Amino acid sequence: MITKQVDVQSLAETEALGRRLGELLFPGAVVALIGPLGAGKTHLVRAIAEGLGIRNPMAVTSPTFVLIQEYPARLPIFHFDAYRLKGPQEFIDLGVHEYYDAGGVCLIEWADRVEEALPADYLRIDIEPLDEQRRRFHFTARGEAYAGFA
């Protein structure tokens, strides 16, 4: 397991980090996003989607109530929100394994709630708010495919 910490000082830096991440993601990538309410998980997902070439980044919204949003881009984007799920089995019941195998990018907010349902290899991003603008991102690569991200 490889880890790296990145501090950003502004919303613009968070967006740049997300866009760069999106440019580097590959078919079948799984990104687990973890952080408190208001940490900026959805904002980071929007920036990742920009890096993946989504036409309308403003279409990216929190899927809290619908659980899954799909967006066309360079690679299909599957955006999950596990906040309202009771546990990993509900996540599995959504058919998440089919999404893992669909050749797109899976971005999972509140992934710590369903960690047992995540694949063996994935990129974990813990977001730590430092104040209104500043964030500390902790990247943990689980598997060799993600070593360059952490």
C-alpha atoms as a PDB file:
ATOM      1  CA  MET A   1       0.000   0.000   0.000  1.00  0.00           C
ATOM      2  CA  ILE A   2       1.464   3.337  -1.107  1.00  0.00           C
ATOM      3  CA  THR A   3       0.325   6.666   0.329  1.00  0.00           C
ATOM      4  CA  LYS A   4       0.852  10.327  -0.524  1.00  0.00           C
ATOM      5  CA  GLN A   5      -0.453  13.573   0.955  1.00  0.00           C
ATOM      6  CA  VAL A   6      -1.311  16.637  -1.130  1.00  0.00           C
ATOM      7  CA  ASP A   7      -2.315  19.992   0.354  1.00  0.00           C
ATOM      8  CA  VAL A   8      -4.287  22.466  -1.740  1.00  0.00           C
ATOM      9  CA  GLN A   9      -4.814  26.098  -0.833  1.00  0.00           C
ATOM     10  CA  SER A  10      -7.899  26.946  -2.883  1.00  0.00           C
ATOM     11  CA  LEU A  11     -10.892  25.669  -4.796  1.00  0.00           C
ATOM     12  CA  ALA A  12      -8.976  26.296  -8.031  1.00  0.00           C
ATOM     13  CA  GLU A  13      -6.145  24.038  -6.847  1.00  0.00           C
ATOM     14  CA  THR A  14      -8.658  21.331  -5.920  1.00  0.00           C
ATOM     15  CA  GLU A  15     -10.148  21.589  -9.408  1.00  0.00           C
ATOM     16  CA  ALA A  16      -6.702  21.357 -11.026  1.00  0.00           C
ATOM     17  CA  LEU A  17      -5.882  18.289  -8.923  1.00  0.00           C
ATOM     18  CA  GLY A  18      -9.155  16.618  -9.928  1.00  0.00           C
ATOM     19  CA  ARG A  19      -8.707  17.409 -13.630  1.00  0.00           C
ATOM     20  CA  ARG A  20      -5.193  15.950 -13.593  1.00  0.00           C
ATOM     21  CA  LEU A  21      -6.465  12.838 -11.842  1.00  0.00           C
ATOM     22  CA  GLY A  22      -9.213  12.448 -14.447  1.00  0.00           C
ATOM     23  CA  GLU A  23      -6.663  12.685 -17.252  1.00  0.00           C
ATOM     24  CA  LEU A  24      -4.715   9.790 -15.726  1.00  0.00           C
ATOM     25  CA  LEU A  25      -7.559   7.407 -14.929  1.00  0.00           C
ATOM     26  CA  PHE A  26      -7.954   4.256 -16.998  1.00  0.00           C
ATOM     27  CA  PRO A  27     -10.728   1.804 -17.952  1.00  0.00           C
ATOM     28  CA  GLY A  28     -11.925  -0.077 -14.886  1.00  0.00           C
ATOM     29  CA  ALA A  29     -10.492   2.436 -12.412  1.00  0.00           C
ATOM     30  CA  VAL A  30     -12.203   2.649  -9.026  1.00  0.00           C
ATOM     31  CA  VAL A  31     -11.762   5.734  -6.853  1.00  0.00           C
ATOM     32  CA  ALA A  32     -13.039   5.668  -3.267  1.00  0.00           C
ATOM     33  CA  LEU A  33     -13.742   9.158  -1.892  1.00  0.00           C
ATOM     34  CA  ILE A  34     -13.949   9.612   1.860  1.00  0.00           C
ATOM     35  CA  GLY A  35     -14.460  12.723   3.939  1.00  0.00           C
ATOM     36  CA  PRO A  36     -16.947  14.513   6.153  1.00  0.00           C
ATOM     37  CA  LEU A  37     -20.040  16.278   4.882  1.00  0.00           C
ATOM     38  CA  GLY A  38     -18.938  19.392   3.006  1.00  0.00           C
ATOM     39  CA  ALA A  39     -15.377  18.155   2.419  1.00  0.00           C
ATOM     40  CA  GLY A  40     -15.726  18.601  -1.333  1.00  0.00           C
ATOM     41  CA  LYS A  41     -16.217  15.037  -2.574  1.00  0.00           C
ATOM     42  CA  THR A  42     -18.728  15.991  -5.266  1.00  0.00           C
ATOM     43  CA  HIS A  43     -16.660  19.013  -6.250  1.00  0.00           C
ATOM     44  CA  LEU A  44     -13.642  16.745  -6.741  1.00  0.00           C
ATOM     45  CA  VAL A  45     -15.773  14.300  -8.769  1.00  0.00           C
ATOM     46  CA  ARG A  46     -16.850  17.186 -11.034  1.00  0.00           C
ATOM     47  CA  ALA A  47     -13.194  18.125 -11.608  1.00  0.00           C
ATOM     48  CA  ILE A  48     -12.250  14.485 -12.285  1.00  0.00           C
ATOM     49  CA  ALA A  49     -15.104  14.358 -14.810  1.00  0.00           C
ATOM     50  CA  GLU A  50     -13.637  17.437 -16.496  1.00  0.00           C
ATOM     51  CA  GLY A  51     -10.301  15.638 -16.750  1.00  0.00           C
ATOM     52  CA  LEU A  52     -12.139  12.710 -18.307  1.00  0.00           C
ATOM     53  CA  GLY A  53     -13.585  15.060 -20.929  1.00  0.00           C
ATOM     54  CA  ILE A  54     -17.204  15.388 -19.843  1.00  0.00           C
ATOM     55  CA  ARG A  55     -19.015  17.929 -22.043  1.00  0.00           C
ATOM     56  CA  ASN A  56     -20.992  19.591 -19.265  1.00  0.00           C
ATOM     57  CA  PRO A  57     -19.244  19.435 -15.877  1.00  0.00           C
ATOM     58  CA  MET A  58     -22.215  21.171 -14.215  1.00  0.00           C
ATOM     59  CA  ALA A  59     -24.272  18.037 -14.944  1.00  0.00           C
ATOM     60  CA  VAL A  60     -22.265  16.316 -12.195  1.00  0.00           C
ATOM     61  CA  THR A  61     -24.317  16.498  -9.026  1.00  0.00           C
ATOM     62  CA  SER A  62     -24.399  14.518  -5.822  1.00  0.00           C
ATOM     63  CA  PRO A  63     -26.205  11.216  -6.392  1.00  0.00           C
ATOM     64  CA  THR A  64     -27.277  11.036  -2.734  1.00  0.00           C
ATOM     65  CA  PHE A  65     -30.917  10.336  -3.538  1.00  0.00           C
ATOM     66  CA  VAL A  66     -30.541   8.434  -6.817  1.00  0.00           C
ATOM     67  CA  LEU A  67     -27.436   6.514  -5.623  1.00  0.00           C
ATOM     68  CA  ILE A  68     -25.831   6.292  -9.096  1.00  0.00           C
ATOM     69  CA  GLN A  69     -25.291   8.863 -11.842  1.00  0.00           C
ATOM     70  CA  GLU A  70     -23.802   7.942 -15.212  1.00  0.00           C
ATOM     71  CA  TYR A  71     -22.024  10.453 -17.426  1.00  0.00           C
ATOM     72  CA  PRO A  72     -20.558  10.026 -20.917  1.00  0.00           C
ATOM     73  CA  ALA A  73     -16.923  11.104 -21.306  1.00  0.00           C
ATOM     74  CA  ARG A  74     -13.626   9.740 -22.678  1.00  0.00           C
ATOM     75  CA  LEU A  75     -14.436   6.794 -20.407  1.00  0.00           C
ATOM     76  CA  PRO A  76     -17.946   6.303 -19.013  1.00  0.00           C
ATOM     77  CA  ILE A  77     -18.220   7.775 -15.517  1.00  0.00           C
ATOM     78  CA  PHE A  78     -20.192   5.904 -12.858  1.00  0.00           C
ATOM     79  CA  HIS A  79     -20.710   8.194  -9.865  1.00  0.00           C
ATOM     80  CA  PHE A  80     -21.973   6.508  -6.694  1.00  0.00           C
ATOM     81  CA  ASP A  81     -23.019   7.916  -3.336  1.00  0.00           C
ATOM     82  CA  ALA A  82     -23.122   5.385  -0.497  1.00  0.00           C
ATOM     83  CA  TYR A  83     -24.267   7.876   2.174  1.00  0.00           C
ATOM     84  CA  ARG A  84     -27.828   6.564   2.416  1.00  0.00           C
ATOM     85  CA  LEU A  85     -26.963   2.889   2.099  1.00  0.00           C
ATOM     86  CA  LYS A  86     -27.199   0.680   5.162  1.00  0.00           C
ATOM     87  CA  GLY A  87     -24.051  -1.236   4.298  1.00  0.00           C
ATOM     88  CA  PRO A  88     -21.966  -3.104   1.744  1.00  0.00           C
ATOM     89  CA  GLN A  89     -24.698  -5.578   0.810  1.00  0.00           C
ATOM     90  CA  GLU A  90     -26.999  -2.774  -0.383  1.00  0.00           C
ATOM     91  CA  PHE A  91     -24.118  -1.491  -2.489  1.00  0.00           C
ATOM     92  CA  ILE A  92     -23.579  -4.943  -3.986  1.00  0.00           C
ATOM     93  CA  ASP A  93     -27.319  -5.194  -4.654  1.00  0.00           C
ATOM     94  CA  LEU A  94     -27.059  -2.092  -6.873  1.00  0.00           C
ATOM     95  CA  GLY A  95     -25.050  -4.245  -9.278  1.00  0.00           C
ATOM     96  CA  VAL A  96     -21.783  -2.490  -8.505  1.00  0.00           C
ATOM     97  CA  HIS A  97     -19.676  -5.411  -9.746  1.00  0.00           C
ATOM     98  CA  GLU A  98     -21.150  -4.961 -13.214  1.00  0.00           C
ATOM     99  CA  TYR A  99     -20.037  -1.326 -13.103  1.00  0.00           C
ATOM    100  CA  TYR A 100     -16.535  -2.361 -12.011  1.00  0.00           C
ATOM    101  CA  ASP A 101     -16.319  -4.541 -15.125  1.00  0.00           C
ATOM    102  CA  ALA A 102     -17.929  -2.057 -17.561  1.00  0.00           C
ATOM    103  CA  GLY A 103     -14.686  -0.382 -18.671  1.00  0.00           C
ATOM    104  CA  GLY A 104     -15.529   3.013 -17.197  1.00  0.00           C
ATOM    105  CA  VAL A 105     -14.410   4.879 -14.110  1.00  0.00           C
ATOM    106  CA  CYS A 106     -16.225   4.306 -10.815  1.00  0.00           C
ATOM    107  CA  LEU A 107     -16.160   7.273  -8.426  1.00  0.00           C
ATOM    108  CA  ILE A 108     -17.641   6.345  -5.045  1.00  0.00           C
ATOM    109  CA  GLU A 109     -18.498   8.975  -2.447  1.00  0.00           C
ATOM    110  CA  TRP A 110     -18.745   7.818   1.188  1.00  0.00           C
ATOM    111  CA  ALA A 111     -16.833   4.679   0.155  1.00  0.00           C
ATOM    112  CA  ASP A 112     -15.861   3.965   3.754  1.00  0.00           C
ATOM    113  CA  ARG A 113     -19.482   2.884   4.334  1.00  0.00           C
ATOM    114  CA  VAL A 114     -19.175   0.117   1.743  1.00  0.00           C
ATOM    115  CA  GLU A 115     -15.469  -0.688   1.893  1.00  0.00           C
ATOM    116  CA  GLU A 116     -16.066  -4.447   2.050  1.00  0.00           C
ATOM    117  CA  ALA A 117     -17.767  -4.228  -1.381  1.00  0.00           C
ATOM    118  CA  LEU A 118     -14.854  -2.451  -3.064  1.00  0.00           C
ATOM    119  CA  PRO A 119     -12.543  -4.414  -5.358  1.00  0.00           C
ATOM    120  CA  ALA A 120      -9.145  -5.523  -4.084  1.00  0.00           C
ATOM    121  CA  ASP A 121      -7.414  -2.781  -6.097  1.00  0.00           C
ATOM    122  CA  TYR A 122      -8.571   0.826  -6.000  1.00  0.00           C
ATOM    123  CA  LEU A 123      -7.466   4.368  -5.248  1.00  0.00           C
ATOM    124  CA  ARG A 124      -8.596   5.707  -1.888  1.00  0.00           C
ATOM    125  CA  ILE A 125      -8.757   9.480  -1.427  1.00  0.00           C
ATOM    126  CA  ASP A 126      -9.402  10.785   2.075  1.00  0.00           C
ATOM    127  CA  ILE A 127     -10.303  14.471   2.071  1.00  0.00           C
ATOM    128  CA  GLU A 128      -9.497  16.483   5.172  1.00  0.00           C
ATOM    129  CA  PRO A 129     -10.928  20.021   5.249  1.00  0.00           C
ATOM    130  CA  LEU A 130      -8.450  22.441   6.820  1.00  0.00           C
ATOM    131  CA  ASP A 131     -10.664  25.520   6.458  1.00  0.00           C
ATOM    132  CA  GLU A 132     -13.191  26.943   3.972  1.00  0.00           C
ATOM    133  CA  GLN A 133     -10.803  26.689   0.988  1.00  0.00           C
ATOM    134  CA  ARG A 134      -7.856  24.509   1.991  1.00  0.00           C
ATOM    135  CA  ARG A 135      -7.939  20.727   1.829  1.00  0.00           C
ATOM    136  CA  ARG A 136      -5.509  17.934   2.578  1.00  0.00           C
ATOM    137  CA  PHE A 137      -5.866  14.927   0.290  1.00  0.00           C
ATOM    138  CA  HIS A 138      -4.517  11.570   1.442  1.00  0.00           C
ATOM    139  CA  PHE A 139      -4.044   9.212  -1.521  1.00  0.00           C
ATOM    140  CA  THR A 140      -3.719   5.494  -0.823  1.00  0.00           C
ATOM    141  CA  ALA A 141      -2.987   3.145  -3.716  1.00  0.00           C
ATOM    142  CA  ARG A 142      -4.381  -0.338  -3.228  1.00  0.00           C
ATOM    143  CA  GLY A 143      -2.818  -2.323  -6.034  1.00  0.00           C
ATOM    144  CA  GLU A 144      -0.039  -1.681  -8.529  1.00  0.00           C
ATOM    145  CA  ALA A 145      -2.304  -0.056 -11.117  1.00  0.00           C
ATOM    146  CA  TYR A 146      -2.736   2.891  -8.737  1.00  0.00           C
ATOM    147  CA  ALA A 147       0.876   3.223  -7.571  1.00  0.00           C
ATOM    148  CA  GLY A 148       1.425   6.321  -9.724  1.00  0.00           C
ATOM    149  CA  PHE A 149      -1.407   8.139  -7.954  1.00  0.00           C
ATOM    150  CA  ALA A 150       0.041   7.869  -4.454  1.00  0.00           C
END
